[in-house]
Amino acid sequence: MKLARPAVALAVGAALAFAGTAGAAAKPKPVCNLVTDKAGDATGFLVASSTPMPTDANLDILSADVASDAKKLTAVIRVAKLGADSTSPTGDIYYQNFSVGGTKYYLEALVTGTKGSYSLGDFSGTGGTRHNIEDATGKLDLAHNAVHITVPASSVGAKAGKSVIGDLDTLAQRYVNLVAVGITPTADEATSPRTYKAGALSCVKPGA
């Protein structure tokens, strides 16, 4: 009996160690960088010229994510440099376009200096143009060069564990006012074939 006890203890210990390893392996990995884009390519806009302007770090998209839980949906757009843009005194605009259940939406941030205003919309305007739905909340994370935009998940019908968010298209634009007409030429755009299942673990905290 004295010889059997250590063997039993060893077997139990091995079983516990195996169970711990299996549990660790089953832990889901966060979904990160759904959209990625190379640096130094924010040269897409043309303003009264056929020659692209130099790349603008404030509009140079590097990556983007969407994340949600049962209550909130958040988009985070990361650029090379976020802050007061001396080349665009009238403002920069960032869009995260996406779809839920066949309906296309967008989250928008208009950044002037180091302040932002945020909104949610869809493409139900005349000829499929943008149509504002409601105000959103957001913040400018200057330390990490990231724009955060948040809306209630219910506003886009995103149900945790059920809805799939796709058609990810990230835009960075410069607002230009020419002869009292506002235009927003696109400096950089990044798309992704990846999708995100609402409620899945992400490197973005919904609402943050």
C-alpha atoms as a PDB file:
ATOM      1  CA  MET A   1       0.000   0.000   0.000  1.00  0.00           C
ATOM      2  CA  LYS A   2       2.797   2.404   0.757  1.00  0.00           C
ATOM      3  CA  LEU A   3       4.253   1.847  -2.730  1.00  0.00           C
ATOM      4  CA  ALA A   4       0.899   2.439  -4.474  1.00  0.00           C
ATOM      5  CA  ARG A   5       0.192   5.862  -3.003  1.00  0.00           C
ATOM      6  CA  PRO A   6       2.951   7.772  -4.876  1.00  0.00           C
ATOM      7  CA  ALA A   7       1.849   6.130  -8.149  1.00  0.00           C
ATOM      8  CA  VAL A   8      -1.749   7.202  -7.603  1.00  0.00           C
ATOM      9  CA  ALA A   9      -0.660  10.726  -6.707  1.00  0.00           C
ATOM     10  CA  LEU A  10       1.526  10.863  -9.817  1.00  0.00           C
ATOM     11  CA  ALA A  11      -1.366   9.737 -12.038  1.00  0.00           C
ATOM     12  CA  VAL A  12      -3.692  12.334 -10.557  1.00  0.00           C
ATOM     13  CA  GLY A  13      -1.075  15.040 -11.004  1.00  0.00           C
ATOM     14  CA  ALA A  14      -0.542  14.075 -14.627  1.00  0.00           C
ATOM     15  CA  ALA A  15      -4.282  14.145 -15.277  1.00  0.00           C
ATOM     16  CA  LEU A  16      -4.588  17.606 -13.756  1.00  0.00           C
ATOM     17  CA  ALA A  17      -1.639  18.865 -15.785  1.00  0.00           C
ATOM     18  CA  PHE A  18      -3.193  17.505 -18.991  1.00  0.00           C
ATOM     19  CA  ALA A  19      -6.536  19.093 -18.151  1.00  0.00           C
ATOM     20  CA  GLY A  20      -4.820  22.432 -17.545  1.00  0.00           C
ATOM     21  CA  THR A  21      -3.026  22.221 -20.879  1.00  0.00           C
ATOM     22  CA  ALA A  22      -6.256  21.383 -22.698  1.00  0.00           C
ATOM     23  CA  GLY A  23      -8.022  24.281 -21.035  1.00  0.00           C
ATOM     24  CA  ALA A  24      -5.277  26.695 -22.029  1.00  0.00           C
ATOM     25  CA  ALA A  25      -5.346  25.470 -25.629  1.00  0.00           C
ATOM     26  CA  ALA A  26      -9.090  26.051 -25.829  1.00  0.00           C
ATOM     27  CA  LYS A  27      -8.851  29.719 -24.853  1.00  0.00           C
ATOM     28  CA  PRO A  28      -9.910  31.839 -27.874  1.00  0.00           C
ATOM     29  CA  LYS A  29      -7.454  34.260 -29.407  1.00  0.00           C
ATOM     30  CA  PRO A  30      -8.496  37.882 -29.819  1.00  0.00           C
ATOM     31  CA  VAL A  31      -9.331  39.090 -33.316  1.00  0.00           C
ATOM     32  CA  CYS A  32      -6.960  41.918 -34.231  1.00  0.00           C
ATOM     33  CA  ASN A  33      -6.036  44.018 -37.257  1.00  0.00           C
ATOM     34  CA  LEU A  34      -8.991  43.028 -39.416  1.00  0.00           C
ATOM     35  CA  VAL A  35      -7.872  45.712 -41.867  1.00  0.00           C
ATOM     36  CA  THR A  36      -4.214  46.384 -42.607  1.00  0.00           C
ATOM     37  CA  ASP A  37      -2.494  48.784 -44.994  1.00  0.00           C
ATOM     38  CA  LYS A  38       1.082  49.693 -45.831  1.00  0.00           C
ATOM     39  CA  ALA A  39       2.584  52.913 -44.532  1.00  0.00           C
ATOM     40  CA  GLY A  40       3.404  55.937 -46.667  1.00  0.00           C
ATOM     41  CA  ASP A  41       0.622  55.597 -49.243  1.00  0.00           C
ATOM     42  CA  ALA A  42      -1.781  58.407 -48.262  1.00  0.00           C
ATOM     43  CA  THR A  43      -1.359  59.997 -51.678  1.00  0.00           C
ATOM     44  CA  GLY A  44      -4.654  59.120 -53.326  1.00  0.00           C
ATOM     45  CA  PHE A  45      -6.240  62.554 -53.474  1.00  0.00           C
ATOM     46  CA  LEU A  46      -5.997  64.939 -56.385  1.00  0.00           C
ATOM     47  CA  VAL A  47      -6.926  68.576 -55.882  1.00  0.00           C
ATOM     48  CA  ALA A  48      -6.986  70.712 -59.041  1.00  0.00           C
ATOM     49  CA  SER A  49      -4.054  68.709 -60.310  1.00  0.00           C
ATOM     50  CA  SER A  50      -3.283  65.421 -62.012  1.00  0.00           C
ATOM     51  CA  THR A  51      -0.353  64.824 -59.670  1.00  0.00           C
ATOM     52  CA  PRO A  52      -0.907  63.110 -56.295  1.00  0.00           C
ATOM     53  CA  MET A  53       0.061  65.232 -53.314  1.00  0.00           C
ATOM     54  CA  PRO A  54       2.719  63.986 -50.865  1.00  0.00           C
ATOM     55  CA  THR A  55       1.627  61.370 -48.349  1.00  0.00           C
ATOM     56  CA  ASP A  56       0.017  62.764 -45.198  1.00  0.00           C
ATOM     57  CA  ALA A  57       0.797  60.870 -41.990  1.00  0.00           C
ATOM     58  CA  ASN A  58      -2.481  62.050 -40.444  1.00  0.00           C
ATOM     59  CA  LEU A  59      -4.389  60.266 -43.209  1.00  0.00           C
ATOM     60  CA  ASP A  60      -2.094  57.268 -43.625  1.00  0.00           C
ATOM     61  CA  ILE A  61      -4.130  54.220 -42.555  1.00  0.00           C
ATOM     62  CA  LEU A  62      -2.125  51.431 -40.924  1.00  0.00           C
ATOM     63  CA  SER A  63      -4.848  49.175 -39.506  1.00  0.00           C
ATOM     64  CA  ALA A  64      -8.440  49.076 -38.301  1.00  0.00           C
ATOM     65  CA  ASP A  65     -10.752  46.879 -36.240  1.00  0.00           C
ATOM     66  CA  VAL A  66     -14.392  46.533 -35.307  1.00  0.00           C
ATOM     67  CA  ALA A  67     -15.508  44.922 -32.058  1.00  0.00           C
ATOM     68  CA  SER A  68     -18.768  44.501 -30.205  1.00  0.00           C
ATOM     69  CA  ASP A  69     -20.440  43.039 -27.162  1.00  0.00           C
ATOM     70  CA  ALA A  70     -24.112  42.787 -26.207  1.00  0.00           C
ATOM     71  CA  LYS A  71     -24.458  46.571 -25.931  1.00  0.00           C
ATOM     72  CA  LYS A  72     -21.847  48.448 -27.949  1.00  0.00           C
ATOM     73  CA  LEU A  73     -20.025  48.354 -31.265  1.00  0.00           C
ATOM     74  CA  THR A  74     -16.713  50.167 -31.669  1.00  0.00           C
ATOM     75  CA  ALA A  75     -14.466  50.838 -34.646  1.00  0.00           C
ATOM     76  CA  VAL A  76     -10.823  51.801 -34.201  1.00  0.00           C
ATOM     77  CA  ILE A  77      -8.854  53.324 -37.082  1.00  0.00           C
ATOM     78  CA  ARG A  78      -5.085  53.613 -36.638  1.00  0.00           C
ATOM     79  CA  VAL A  79      -2.974  56.014 -38.671  1.00  0.00           C
ATOM     80  CA  ALA A  80       0.704  56.913 -38.862  1.00  0.00           C
ATOM     81  CA  LYS A  81       0.204  60.178 -36.954  1.00  0.00           C
ATOM     82  CA  LEU A  82      -2.890  61.614 -35.340  1.00  0.00           C
ATOM     83  CA  GLY A  83      -3.145  65.227 -34.236  1.00  0.00           C
ATOM     84  CA  ALA A  84      -3.527  68.744 -35.585  1.00  0.00           C
ATOM     85  CA  ASP A  85      -3.031  68.511 -39.354  1.00  0.00           C
ATOM     86  CA  SER A  86      -1.449  71.727 -40.604  1.00  0.00           C
ATOM     87  CA  THR A  87      -2.105  70.692 -44.211  1.00  0.00           C
ATOM     88  CA  SER A  88      -5.840  70.346 -43.580  1.00  0.00           C
ATOM     89  CA  PRO A  89      -7.037  73.202 -41.341  1.00  0.00           C
ATOM     90  CA  THR A  90     -10.685  72.512 -42.214  1.00  0.00           C
ATOM     91  CA  GLY A  91     -10.507  68.952 -40.965  1.00  0.00           C
ATOM     92  CA  ASP A  92      -9.796  65.310 -41.681  1.00  0.00           C
ATOM     93  CA  ILE A  93     -12.514  62.662 -42.014  1.00  0.00           C
ATOM     94  CA  TYR A  94     -12.227  58.979 -41.164  1.00  0.00           C
ATOM     95  CA  TYR A  95     -14.798  56.369 -42.191  1.00  0.00           C
ATOM     96  CA  GLN A  96     -15.173  52.759 -41.213  1.00  0.00           C
ATOM     97  CA  ASN A  97     -17.598  51.216 -43.684  1.00  0.00           C
ATOM     98  CA  PHE A  98     -19.071  47.787 -42.893  1.00  0.00           C
ATOM     99  CA  SER A  99     -22.160  45.654 -43.366  1.00  0.00           C
ATOM    100  CA  VAL A 100     -24.457  43.747 -41.015  1.00  0.00           C
ATOM    101  CA  GLY A 101     -27.130  41.436 -42.353  1.00  0.00           C
ATOM    102  CA  GLY A 102     -26.864  42.820 -45.862  1.00  0.00           C
ATOM    103  CA  THR A 103     -27.189  46.476 -44.816  1.00  0.00           C
ATOM    104  CA  LYS A 104     -24.180  48.728 -45.310  1.00  0.00           C
ATOM    105  CA  TYR A 105     -23.285  51.226 -42.585  1.00  0.00           C
ATOM    106  CA  TYR A 106     -20.482  53.620 -41.775  1.00  0.00           C
ATOM    107  CA  LEU A 107     -18.977  55.120 -38.652  1.00  0.00           C
ATOM    108  CA  GLU A 108     -17.554  58.605 -39.211  1.00  0.00           C
ATOM    109  CA  ALA A 109     -15.128  60.813 -37.318  1.00  0.00           C
ATOM    110  CA  LEU A 110     -14.593  64.432 -38.368  1.00  0.00           C
ATOM    111  CA  VAL A 111     -11.373  65.646 -36.777  1.00  0.00           C
ATOM    112  CA  THR A 112     -10.542  69.335 -36.604  1.00  0.00           C
ATOM    113  CA  GLY A 113      -7.316  70.122 -34.803  1.00  0.00           C
ATOM    114  CA  THR A 114      -7.324  67.705 -31.866  1.00  0.00           C
ATOM    115  CA  LYS A 115     -11.118  67.534 -31.471  1.00  0.00           C
ATOM    116  CA  GLY A 116     -13.516  65.116 -33.076  1.00  0.00           C
ATOM    117  CA  SER A 117     -17.224  64.721 -33.789  1.00  0.00           C
ATOM    118  CA  TYR A 118     -18.706  61.296 -34.498  1.00  0.00           C
ATOM    119  CA  SER A 119     -21.713  59.803 -36.274  1.00  0.00           C
ATOM    120  CA  LEU A 120     -23.331  56.633 -37.624  1.00  0.00           C
ATOM    121  CA  GLY A 121     -24.941  56.404 -41.048  1.00  0.00           C
ATOM    122  CA  ASP A 122     -25.946  54.142 -43.896  1.00  0.00           C
ATOM    123  CA  PHE A 123     -26.065  54.430 -47.685  1.00  0.00           C
ATOM    124  CA  SER A 124     -29.793  55.017 -48.119  1.00  0.00           C
ATOM    125  CA  GLY A 125     -29.334  58.549 -49.467  1.00  0.00           C
ATOM    126  CA  THR A 126     -30.152  59.562 -53.034  1.00  0.00           C
ATOM    127  CA  GLY A 127     -28.264  57.331 -55.450  1.00  0.00           C
ATOM    128  CA  GLY A 128     -26.781  55.276 -52.627  1.00  0.00           C
ATOM    129  CA  THR A 129     -25.085  58.227 -50.957  1.00  0.00           C
ATOM    130  CA  ARG A 130     -24.303  58.536 -47.274  1.00  0.00           C
ATOM    131  CA  HIS A 131     -27.234  59.185 -44.944  1.00  0.00           C
ATOM    132  CA  ASN A 132     -26.727  60.164 -41.325  1.00  0.00           C
ATOM    133  CA  ILE A 133     -28.646  58.062 -38.778  1.00  0.00           C
ATOM    134  CA  GLU A 134     -27.517  59.280 -35.375  1.00  0.00           C
ATOM    135  CA  ASP A 135     -24.678  60.784 -33.400  1.00  0.00           C
ATOM    136  CA  ALA A 136     -21.991  58.455 -32.128  1.00  0.00           C
ATOM    137  CA  THR A 137     -19.489  58.777 -29.317  1.00  0.00           C
ATOM    138  CA  GLY A 138     -15.753  58.569 -29.721  1.00  0.00           C
ATOM    139  CA  LYS A 139     -12.302  59.706 -28.780  1.00  0.00           C
ATOM    140  CA  LEU A 140      -8.943  60.535 -30.282  1.00  0.00           C
ATOM    141  CA  ASP A 141      -6.174  58.435 -28.771  1.00  0.00           C
ATOM    142  CA  LEU A 142      -3.231  60.643 -29.659  1.00  0.00           C
ATOM    143  CA  ALA A 143      -0.774  58.453 -27.768  1.00  0.00           C
ATOM    144  CA  HIS A 144      -1.590  55.494 -30.038  1.00  0.00           C
ATOM    145  CA  ASN A 145      -2.588  57.469 -33.167  1.00  0.00           C
ATOM    146  CA  ALA A 146      -6.034  55.887 -33.131  1.00  0.00           C
ATOM    147  CA  VAL A 147      -9.583  57.111 -33.729  1.00  0.00           C
ATOM    148  CA  HIS A 148     -12.313  55.356 -31.707  1.00  0.00           C
ATOM    149  CA  ILE A 149     -15.998  55.518 -32.734  1.00  0.00           C
ATOM    150  CA  THR A 150     -18.787  53.816 -30.754  1.00  0.00           C
ATOM    151  CA  VAL A 151     -22.534  53.253 -31.237  1.00  0.00           C
ATOM    152  CA  PRO A 152     -25.117  50.982 -29.605  1.00  0.00           C
ATOM    153  CA  ALA A 153     -24.875  47.528 -31.195  1.00  0.00           C
ATOM    154  CA  SER A 154     -28.654  47.609 -31.591  1.00  0.00           C
ATOM    155  CA  SER A 155     -28.363  50.627 -33.912  1.00  0.00           C
ATOM    156  CA  VAL A 156     -26.907  48.363 -36.608  1.00  0.00           C
ATOM    157  CA  GLY A 157     -28.638  45.153 -35.543  1.00  0.00           C
ATOM    158  CA  ALA A 158     -25.399  43.513 -34.396  1.00  0.00           C
ATOM    159  CA  LYS A 159     -26.324  40.605 -32.110  1.00  0.00           C
ATOM    160  CA  ALA A 160     -23.515  39.071 -30.105  1.00  0.00           C
ATOM    161  CA  GLY A 161     -22.773  35.508 -31.171  1.00  0.00           C
ATOM    162  CA  LYS A 162     -25.070  35.721 -34.203  1.00  0.00           C
ATOM    163  CA  SER A 163     -24.356  38.645 -36.530  1.00  0.00           C
ATOM    164  CA  VAL A 164     -21.435  38.724 -38.949  1.00  0.00           C
ATOM    165  CA  ILE A 165     -19.809  42.079 -39.728  1.00  0.00           C
ATOM    166  CA  GLY A 166     -18.149  42.262 -43.127  1.00  0.00           C
ATOM    167  CA  ASP A 167     -17.407  44.420 -46.185  1.00  0.00           C
ATOM    168  CA  LEU A 168     -14.757  46.274 -44.193  1.00  0.00           C
ATOM    169  CA  ASP A 169     -13.569  49.414 -45.959  1.00  0.00           C
ATOM    170  CA  THR A 170     -11.551  52.084 -44.146  1.00  0.00           C
ATOM    171  CA  LEU A 171     -11.208  55.598 -45.596  1.00  0.00           C
ATOM    172  CA  ALA A 172      -9.141  58.622 -44.609  1.00  0.00           C
ATOM    173  CA  GLN A 173     -10.110  61.886 -46.314  1.00  0.00           C
ATOM    174  CA  ARG A 174      -9.167  65.541 -46.285  1.00  0.00           C
ATOM    175  CA  TYR A 175     -12.011  68.029 -46.068  1.00  0.00           C
ATOM    176  CA  VAL A 176     -11.520  70.791 -48.635  1.00  0.00           C
ATOM    177  CA  ASN A 177     -13.799  73.783 -49.077  1.00  0.00           C
ATOM    178  CA  LEU A 178     -13.466  75.167 -52.592  1.00  0.00           C
ATOM    179  CA  VAL A 179     -15.721  78.093 -53.547  1.00  0.00           C
ATOM    180  CA  ALA A 180     -18.086  77.286 -50.683  1.00  0.00           C
ATOM    181  CA  VAL A 181     -18.521  73.707 -51.884  1.00  0.00           C
ATOM    182  CA  GLY A 182     -17.297  71.000 -49.521  1.00  0.00           C
ATOM    183  CA  ILE A 183     -15.486  68.050 -51.044  1.00  0.00           C
ATOM    184  CA  THR A 184     -13.598  65.240 -49.364  1.00  0.00           C
ATOM    185  CA  PRO A 185     -10.910  63.698 -51.583  1.00  0.00           C
ATOM    186  CA  THR A 186      -9.712  60.322 -50.336  1.00  0.00           C
ATOM    187  CA  ALA A 187      -6.082  60.207 -49.275  1.00  0.00           C
ATOM    188  CA  ASP A 188      -5.952  56.544 -48.270  1.00  0.00           C
ATOM    189  CA  GLU A 189      -8.250  53.525 -48.424  1.00  0.00           C
ATOM    190  CA  ALA A 190      -7.868  50.007 -47.081  1.00  0.00           C
ATOM    191  CA  THR A 191     -10.264  47.107 -47.582  1.00  0.00           C
ATOM    192  CA  SER A 192     -10.320  43.604 -46.158  1.00  0.00           C
ATOM    193  CA  PRO A 193     -12.016  40.301 -47.037  1.00  0.00           C
ATOM    194  CA  ARG A 194     -12.040  39.309 -43.373  1.00  0.00           C
ATOM    195  CA  THR A 195     -15.196  39.256 -41.256  1.00  0.00           C
ATOM    196  CA  TYR A 196     -15.914  39.638 -37.566  1.00  0.00           C
ATOM    197  CA  LYS A 197     -18.547  37.726 -35.611  1.00  0.00           C
ATOM    198  CA  ALA A 198     -20.316  40.096 -33.242  1.00  0.00           C
ATOM    199  CA  GLY A 199     -19.340  39.510 -29.640  1.00  0.00           C
ATOM    200  CA  ALA A 200     -16.071  37.746 -30.453  1.00  0.00           C
ATOM    201  CA  LEU A 201     -13.001  38.526 -28.371  1.00  0.00           C
ATOM    202  CA  SER A 202     -11.038  41.410 -29.881  1.00  0.00           C
ATOM    203  CA  CYS A 203      -7.984  43.506 -29.122  1.00  0.00           C
ATOM    204  CA  VAL A 204     -10.461  46.408 -29.094  1.00  0.00           C
ATOM    205  CA  LYS A 205     -12.641  46.888 -26.031  1.00  0.00           C
ATOM    206  CA  PRO A 206     -16.182  47.877 -27.113  1.00  0.00           C
ATOM    207  CA  GLY A 207     -17.037  51.311 -25.790  1.00  0.00           C
ATOM    208  CA  ALA A 208     -13.446  52.208 -24.966  1.00  0.00           C
END
